[in-house]
């Protein structure tokens, strides 16, 4: 099916997608469904193939593509907002630096020689921290957007823009904030590919 629901209103699209999924489950057939709508792909598919310039860059479950994108392209393409991706430098076997802040990761960086290193983290995984501690970055809050079931915070750390999703009810202080990057949620990319 090549983009069958592209020009349909959202409510009808939701119902048709559900009907297609039920029919597919009933007949147990393989269905190839082409779409540029990432939300459609993430909710409809059991397995997703992401292509970039005619090449397959990742195949996997929606959860895998979201949590561990294999390339910066997948990190940017899947999710809204796109994954936060920062130029960084390797500072130890498991740490990178963005600006002058050291971030611990669970990635093994001991053999990494590439100069094109980036740190990626989803806005959903960044947490507000009450005080500075390990793996926190200090940002100057520039915008708070109420998106319904969450707030999207946008802040700057030097020239870097960082986005974080927080619970809608959480009070957000003005000015500077500390954001915590959980090491297990940090993805390190070398030459645009996941380490």
C-alpha atoms as a PDB file:
ATOM      1  CA  UNK A   1       0.000   0.000   0.000  1.00  0.00           C
ATOM      2  CA  UNK A   2       1.582   3.276  -1.085  1.00  0.00           C
ATOM      3  CA  UNK A   3       0.500   6.114   1.230  1.00  0.00           C
ATOM      4  CA  UNK A   4      -3.195   5.078   1.208  1.00  0.00           C
ATOM      5  CA  UNK A   5      -4.295   7.488   3.959  1.00  0.00           C
ATOM      6  CA  UNK A   6      -2.358  10.610   2.999  1.00  0.00           C
ATOM      7  CA  UNK A   7      -5.207  13.037   2.188  1.00  0.00           C
ATOM      8  CA  UNK A   8      -7.845  11.840   4.654  1.00  0.00           C
ATOM      9  CA  UNK A   9      -9.044  13.805   7.675  1.00  0.00           C
ATOM     10  CA  UNK A  10      -7.448  12.728  10.999  1.00  0.00           C
ATOM     11  CA  UNK A  11     -10.494  11.018  12.545  1.00  0.00           C
ATOM     12  CA  UNK A  12     -11.249   8.952   9.440  1.00  0.00           C
ATOM     13  CA  UNK A  13      -7.529   8.179   9.068  1.00  0.00           C
ATOM     14  CA  UNK A  14      -7.446   6.826  12.646  1.00  0.00           C
ATOM     15  CA  UNK A  15     -10.490   4.584  12.038  1.00  0.00           C
ATOM     16  CA  UNK A  16      -9.201   3.298   8.679  1.00  0.00           C
ATOM     17  CA  UNK A  17      -5.781   2.561  10.141  1.00  0.00           C
ATOM     18  CA  UNK A  18      -7.433   0.549  12.926  1.00  0.00           C
ATOM     19  CA  UNK A  19      -9.575  -1.332  10.342  1.00  0.00           C
ATOM     20  CA  UNK A  20      -6.513  -2.109   8.202  1.00  0.00           C
ATOM     21  CA  UNK A  21      -4.690  -3.439  11.258  1.00  0.00           C
ATOM     22  CA  UNK A  22      -7.667  -5.659  12.192  1.00  0.00           C
ATOM     23  CA  UNK A  23      -7.941  -7.028   8.637  1.00  0.00           C
ATOM     24  CA  UNK A  24      -4.208  -7.690   8.567  1.00  0.00           C
ATOM     25  CA  UNK A  25      -4.364  -9.547  11.902  1.00  0.00           C
ATOM     26  CA  UNK A  26      -7.387 -11.564  10.745  1.00  0.00           C
ATOM     27  CA  UNK A  27      -5.774 -12.799   7.513  1.00  0.00           C
ATOM     28  CA  UNK A  28      -2.208 -13.072   8.929  1.00  0.00           C
ATOM     29  CA  UNK A  29      -0.640 -11.658   5.786  1.00  0.00           C
ATOM     30  CA  UNK A  30       2.426  -9.527   5.308  1.00  0.00           C
ATOM     31  CA  UNK A  31       1.450  -5.982   4.510  1.00  0.00           C
ATOM     32  CA  UNK A  32       3.965  -3.490   3.154  1.00  0.00           C
ATOM     33  CA  UNK A  33       2.735  -0.023   4.001  1.00  0.00           C
ATOM     34  CA  UNK A  34       4.615   2.998   2.643  1.00  0.00           C
ATOM     35  CA  UNK A  35       4.248   6.308   4.484  1.00  0.00           C
ATOM     36  CA  UNK A  36       6.146   9.495   5.215  1.00  0.00           C
ATOM     37  CA  UNK A  37       4.031  10.017   8.340  1.00  0.00           C
ATOM     38  CA  UNK A  38       6.188   8.816  11.227  1.00  0.00           C
ATOM     39  CA  UNK A  39       3.250   8.708  13.664  1.00  0.00           C
ATOM     40  CA  UNK A  40       1.366   6.474  11.262  1.00  0.00           C
ATOM     41  CA  UNK A  41       4.385   4.190  10.920  1.00  0.00           C
ATOM     42  CA  UNK A  42       5.064   4.028  14.656  1.00  0.00           C
ATOM     43  CA  UNK A  43       1.468   3.164  15.590  1.00  0.00           C
ATOM     44  CA  UNK A  44       0.656   0.868  12.661  1.00  0.00           C
ATOM     45  CA  UNK A  45       3.815  -1.151  12.122  1.00  0.00           C
ATOM     46  CA  UNK A  46       5.256  -4.153  13.862  1.00  0.00           C
ATOM     47  CA  UNK A  47       8.519  -3.641  12.016  1.00  0.00           C
ATOM     48  CA  UNK A  48       9.696  -0.404  10.387  1.00  0.00           C
ATOM     49  CA  UNK A  49      12.228   0.152   7.634  1.00  0.00           C
ATOM     50  CA  UNK A  50      13.685   3.680   7.512  1.00  0.00           C
ATOM     51  CA  UNK A  51      15.299   4.725   4.240  1.00  0.00           C
ATOM     52  CA  UNK A  52      17.531   7.682   3.476  1.00  0.00           C
ATOM     53  CA  UNK A  53      18.473   8.542  -0.106  1.00  0.00           C
ATOM     54  CA  UNK A  54      17.438   5.086  -1.344  1.00  0.00           C
ATOM     55  CA  UNK A  55      19.412   3.206   1.332  1.00  0.00           C
ATOM     56  CA  UNK A  56      17.995   1.251   4.270  1.00  0.00           C
ATOM     57  CA  UNK A  57      19.458   2.856   7.407  1.00  0.00           C
ATOM     58  CA  UNK A  58      17.546   0.947  10.096  1.00  0.00           C
ATOM     59  CA  UNK A  59      15.071  -1.893  10.428  1.00  0.00           C
ATOM     60  CA  UNK A  60      13.381  -2.604  13.730  1.00  0.00           C
ATOM     61  CA  UNK A  61      10.568  -2.268  16.185  1.00  0.00           C
ATOM     62  CA  UNK A  62       9.147   1.222  16.784  1.00  0.00           C
ATOM     63  CA  UNK A  63      10.651   1.167  20.314  1.00  0.00           C
ATOM     64  CA  UNK A  64      14.146   0.424  18.930  1.00  0.00           C
ATOM     65  CA  UNK A  65      13.973   3.188  16.353  1.00  0.00           C
ATOM     66  CA  UNK A  66      12.855   5.652  19.008  1.00  0.00           C
ATOM     67  CA  UNK A  67      15.189   4.690  21.855  1.00  0.00           C
ATOM     68  CA  UNK A  68      18.336   3.622  19.944  1.00  0.00           C
ATOM     69  CA  UNK A  69      18.350   5.166  16.472  1.00  0.00           C
ATOM     70  CA  UNK A  70      21.257   3.658  14.519  1.00  0.00           C
ATOM     71  CA  UNK A  71      22.013   6.918  12.708  1.00  0.00           C
ATOM     72  CA  UNK A  72      21.576  10.612  13.425  1.00  0.00           C
ATOM     73  CA  UNK A  73      19.170  10.696  10.450  1.00  0.00           C
ATOM     74  CA  UNK A  74      16.833   8.210  12.178  1.00  0.00           C
ATOM     75  CA  UNK A  75      17.160  10.189  15.423  1.00  0.00           C
ATOM     76  CA  UNK A  76      16.198  13.347  13.594  1.00  0.00           C
ATOM     77  CA  UNK A  77      13.441  11.765  11.453  1.00  0.00           C
ATOM     78  CA  UNK A  78      11.667   9.716  14.138  1.00  0.00           C
ATOM     79  CA  UNK A  79      10.123  11.584  17.063  1.00  0.00           C
ATOM     80  CA  UNK A  80       8.669  15.000  17.637  1.00  0.00           C
ATOM     81  CA  UNK A  81      10.585  17.053  18.417  1.00  0.00           C
ATOM     82  CA  UNK A  82      13.596  15.452  16.771  1.00  0.00           C
ATOM     83  CA  UNK A  83      16.289  13.924  18.962  1.00  0.00           C
ATOM     84  CA  UNK A  84      18.625  16.468  20.575  1.00  0.00           C
ATOM     85  CA  UNK A  85      21.960  15.969  18.794  1.00  0.00           C
ATOM     86  CA  UNK A  86      25.107  17.823  19.885  1.00  0.00           C
ATOM     87  CA  UNK A  87      28.644  17.945  18.504  1.00  0.00           C
ATOM     88  CA  UNK A  88      30.890  16.572  21.211  1.00  0.00           C
ATOM     89  CA  UNK A  89      34.354  15.289  21.994  1.00  0.00           C
ATOM     90  CA  UNK A  90      35.333  12.043  23.682  1.00  0.00           C
ATOM     91  CA  UNK A  91      36.829  12.686  27.124  1.00  0.00           C
ATOM     92  CA  UNK A  92      37.152   9.095  28.466  1.00  0.00           C
ATOM     93  CA  UNK A  93      36.079   5.518  27.718  1.00  0.00           C
ATOM     94  CA  UNK A  94      32.466   6.302  28.639  1.00  0.00           C
ATOM     95  CA  UNK A  95      32.257  10.106  28.621  1.00  0.00           C
ATOM     96  CA  UNK A  96      31.845  12.894  26.106  1.00  0.00           C
ATOM     97  CA  UNK A  97      31.950  16.645  26.494  1.00  0.00           C
ATOM     98  CA  UNK A  98      29.399  19.042  25.072  1.00  0.00           C
ATOM     99  CA  UNK A  99      30.723  22.557  25.413  1.00  0.00           C
ATOM    100  CA  UNK A 100      32.594  22.232  28.740  1.00  0.00           C
ATOM    101  CA  UNK A 101      30.173  19.789  30.372  1.00  0.00           C
ATOM    102  CA  UNK A 102      31.094  16.123  30.790  1.00  0.00           C
ATOM    103  CA  UNK A 103      28.315  13.618  30.134  1.00  0.00           C
ATOM    104  CA  UNK A 104      28.688   9.979  31.168  1.00  0.00           C
ATOM    105  CA  UNK A 105      27.196   7.413  28.772  1.00  0.00           C
ATOM    106  CA  UNK A 106      26.890   3.640  28.708  1.00  0.00           C
ATOM    107  CA  UNK A 107      28.699   3.528  25.337  1.00  0.00           C
ATOM    108  CA  UNK A 108      32.214   2.092  25.074  1.00  0.00           C
ATOM    109  CA  UNK A 109      34.235   4.907  23.506  1.00  0.00           C
ATOM    110  CA  UNK A 110      37.729   3.536  24.226  1.00  0.00           C
ATOM    111  CA  UNK A 111      38.580   2.739  20.593  1.00  0.00           C
ATOM    112  CA  UNK A 112      36.848   5.731  19.036  1.00  0.00           C
ATOM    113  CA  UNK A 113      39.197   7.681  16.784  1.00  0.00           C
ATOM    114  CA  UNK A 114      36.718   9.649  14.677  1.00  0.00           C
ATOM    115  CA  UNK A 115      36.589  13.413  15.198  1.00  0.00           C
ATOM    116  CA  UNK A 116      32.929  13.599  14.062  1.00  0.00           C
ATOM    117  CA  UNK A 117      31.359  12.574  17.393  1.00  0.00           C
ATOM    118  CA  UNK A 118      27.839  13.533  18.448  1.00  0.00           C
ATOM    119  CA  UNK A 119      25.750  12.937  21.536  1.00  0.00           C
ATOM    120  CA  UNK A 120      22.044  12.268  21.040  1.00  0.00           C
ATOM    121  CA  UNK A 121      19.250  12.166  23.603  1.00  0.00           C
ATOM    122  CA  UNK A 122      15.474  12.299  23.256  1.00  0.00           C
ATOM    123  CA  UNK A 123      13.650  15.217  24.866  1.00  0.00           C
ATOM    124  CA  UNK A 124      11.411  12.656  26.617  1.00  0.00           C
ATOM    125  CA  UNK A 125      14.419  11.248  28.497  1.00  0.00           C
ATOM    126  CA  UNK A 126      15.869  14.540  29.773  1.00  0.00           C
ATOM    127  CA  UNK A 127      14.787  15.239  33.354  1.00  0.00           C
ATOM    128  CA  UNK A 128      14.579  18.431  35.375  1.00  0.00           C
ATOM    129  CA  UNK A 129      17.121  18.398  38.212  1.00  0.00           C
ATOM    130  CA  UNK A 130      16.744  20.518  41.332  1.00  0.00           C
ATOM    131  CA  UNK A 131      20.486  21.099  41.616  1.00  0.00           C
ATOM    132  CA  UNK A 132      23.683  20.565  39.679  1.00  0.00           C
ATOM    133  CA  UNK A 133      25.032  17.030  39.854  1.00  0.00           C
ATOM    134  CA  UNK A 134      26.813  14.614  37.575  1.00  0.00           C
ATOM    135  CA  UNK A 135      25.328  14.478  34.043  1.00  0.00           C
ATOM    136  CA  UNK A 136      23.462  17.764  34.387  1.00  0.00           C
ATOM    137  CA  UNK A 137      23.671  20.683  32.021  1.00  0.00           C
ATOM    138  CA  UNK A 138      22.681  24.215  32.932  1.00  0.00           C
ATOM    139  CA  UNK A 139      20.440  25.949  30.412  1.00  0.00           C
ATOM    140  CA  UNK A 140      18.908  29.384  30.091  1.00  0.00           C
ATOM    141  CA  UNK A 141      15.199  28.775  29.515  1.00  0.00           C
ATOM    142  CA  UNK A 142      14.021  30.503  26.333  1.00  0.00           C
ATOM    143  CA  UNK A 143      10.548  29.024  25.764  1.00  0.00           C
ATOM    144  CA  UNK A 144       7.875  26.893  27.443  1.00  0.00           C
ATOM    145  CA  UNK A 145       5.182  25.472  25.162  1.00  0.00           C
ATOM    146  CA  UNK A 146       2.063  23.783  26.524  1.00  0.00           C
ATOM    147  CA  UNK A 147       1.448  20.863  24.164  1.00  0.00           C
ATOM    148  CA  UNK A 148      -1.581  19.399  25.951  1.00  0.00           C
ATOM    149  CA  UNK A 149      -0.342  16.415  27.955  1.00  0.00           C
ATOM    150  CA  UNK A 150       3.183  17.797  28.436  1.00  0.00           C
ATOM    151  CA  UNK A 151       5.256  20.972  28.354  1.00  0.00           C
ATOM    152  CA  UNK A 152       8.075  21.366  25.857  1.00  0.00           C
ATOM    153  CA  UNK A 153      10.982  23.328  27.313  1.00  0.00           C
ATOM    154  CA  UNK A 154      13.501  24.975  25.011  1.00  0.00           C
ATOM    155  CA  UNK A 155      16.706  26.330  26.441  1.00  0.00           C
ATOM    156  CA  UNK A 156      20.197  27.355  25.446  1.00  0.00           C
ATOM    157  CA  UNK A 157      23.529  26.160  26.708  1.00  0.00           C
ATOM    158  CA  UNK A 158      25.930  28.524  24.997  1.00  0.00           C
ATOM    159  CA  UNK A 159      25.015  28.205  21.327  1.00  0.00           C
ATOM    160  CA  UNK A 160      23.360  24.787  21.763  1.00  0.00           C
ATOM    161  CA  UNK A 161      19.567  24.499  21.798  1.00  0.00           C
ATOM    162  CA  UNK A 162      18.191  21.785  24.093  1.00  0.00           C
ATOM    163  CA  UNK A 163      14.587  20.572  24.159  1.00  0.00           C
ATOM    164  CA  UNK A 164      13.024  18.637  27.033  1.00  0.00           C
ATOM    165  CA  UNK A 165       9.508  17.291  27.586  1.00  0.00           C
ATOM    166  CA  UNK A 166       8.178  17.487  31.141  1.00  0.00           C
ATOM    167  CA  UNK A 167       4.869  16.675  32.825  1.00  0.00           C
ATOM    168  CA  UNK A 168       2.287  19.356  32.184  1.00  0.00           C
ATOM    169  CA  UNK A 169       1.632  19.986  35.901  1.00  0.00           C
ATOM    170  CA  UNK A 170       5.308  20.392  36.816  1.00  0.00           C
ATOM    171  CA  UNK A 171       6.130  23.982  37.854  1.00  0.00           C
ATOM    172  CA  UNK A 172       8.898  25.473  35.715  1.00  0.00           C
ATOM    173  CA  UNK A 173      11.073  28.181  37.292  1.00  0.00           C
ATOM    174  CA  UNK A 174      12.141  31.139  35.142  1.00  0.00           C
ATOM    175  CA  UNK A 175      15.753  31.724  34.216  1.00  0.00           C
ATOM    176  CA  UNK A 176      18.307  28.948  34.522  1.00  0.00           C
ATOM    177  CA  UNK A 177      17.478  25.261  34.863  1.00  0.00           C
ATOM    178  CA  UNK A 178      19.484  22.091  35.428  1.00  0.00           C
ATOM    179  CA  UNK A 179      18.682  19.224  33.085  1.00  0.00           C
ATOM    180  CA  UNK A 180      19.777  15.663  33.818  1.00  0.00           C
ATOM    181  CA  UNK A 181      20.888  13.317  30.998  1.00  0.00           C
ATOM    182  CA  UNK A 182      20.479   9.661  32.151  1.00  0.00           C
ATOM    183  CA  UNK A 183      23.589   7.772  30.935  1.00  0.00           C
ATOM    184  CA  UNK A 184      21.551   4.802  29.705  1.00  0.00           C
ATOM    185  CA  UNK A 185      19.480   7.096  27.468  1.00  0.00           C
ATOM    186  CA  UNK A 186      22.464   8.845  25.843  1.00  0.00           C
ATOM    187  CA  UNK A 187      23.376   7.715  22.330  1.00  0.00           C
ATOM    188  CA  UNK A 188      26.851   8.424  20.972  1.00  0.00           C
ATOM    189  CA  UNK A 189      27.346   8.676  17.225  1.00  0.00           C
ATOM    190  CA  UNK A 190      30.602   8.471  15.323  1.00  0.00           C
ATOM    191  CA  UNK A 191      30.452   9.629  11.713  1.00  0.00           C
ATOM    192  CA  UNK A 192      26.622   9.769  12.083  1.00  0.00           C
ATOM    193  CA  UNK A 193      26.376   6.079  13.169  1.00  0.00           C
ATOM    194  CA  UNK A 194      25.544   4.706  16.640  1.00  0.00           C
ATOM    195  CA  UNK A 195      28.558   3.505  18.625  1.00  0.00           C
END
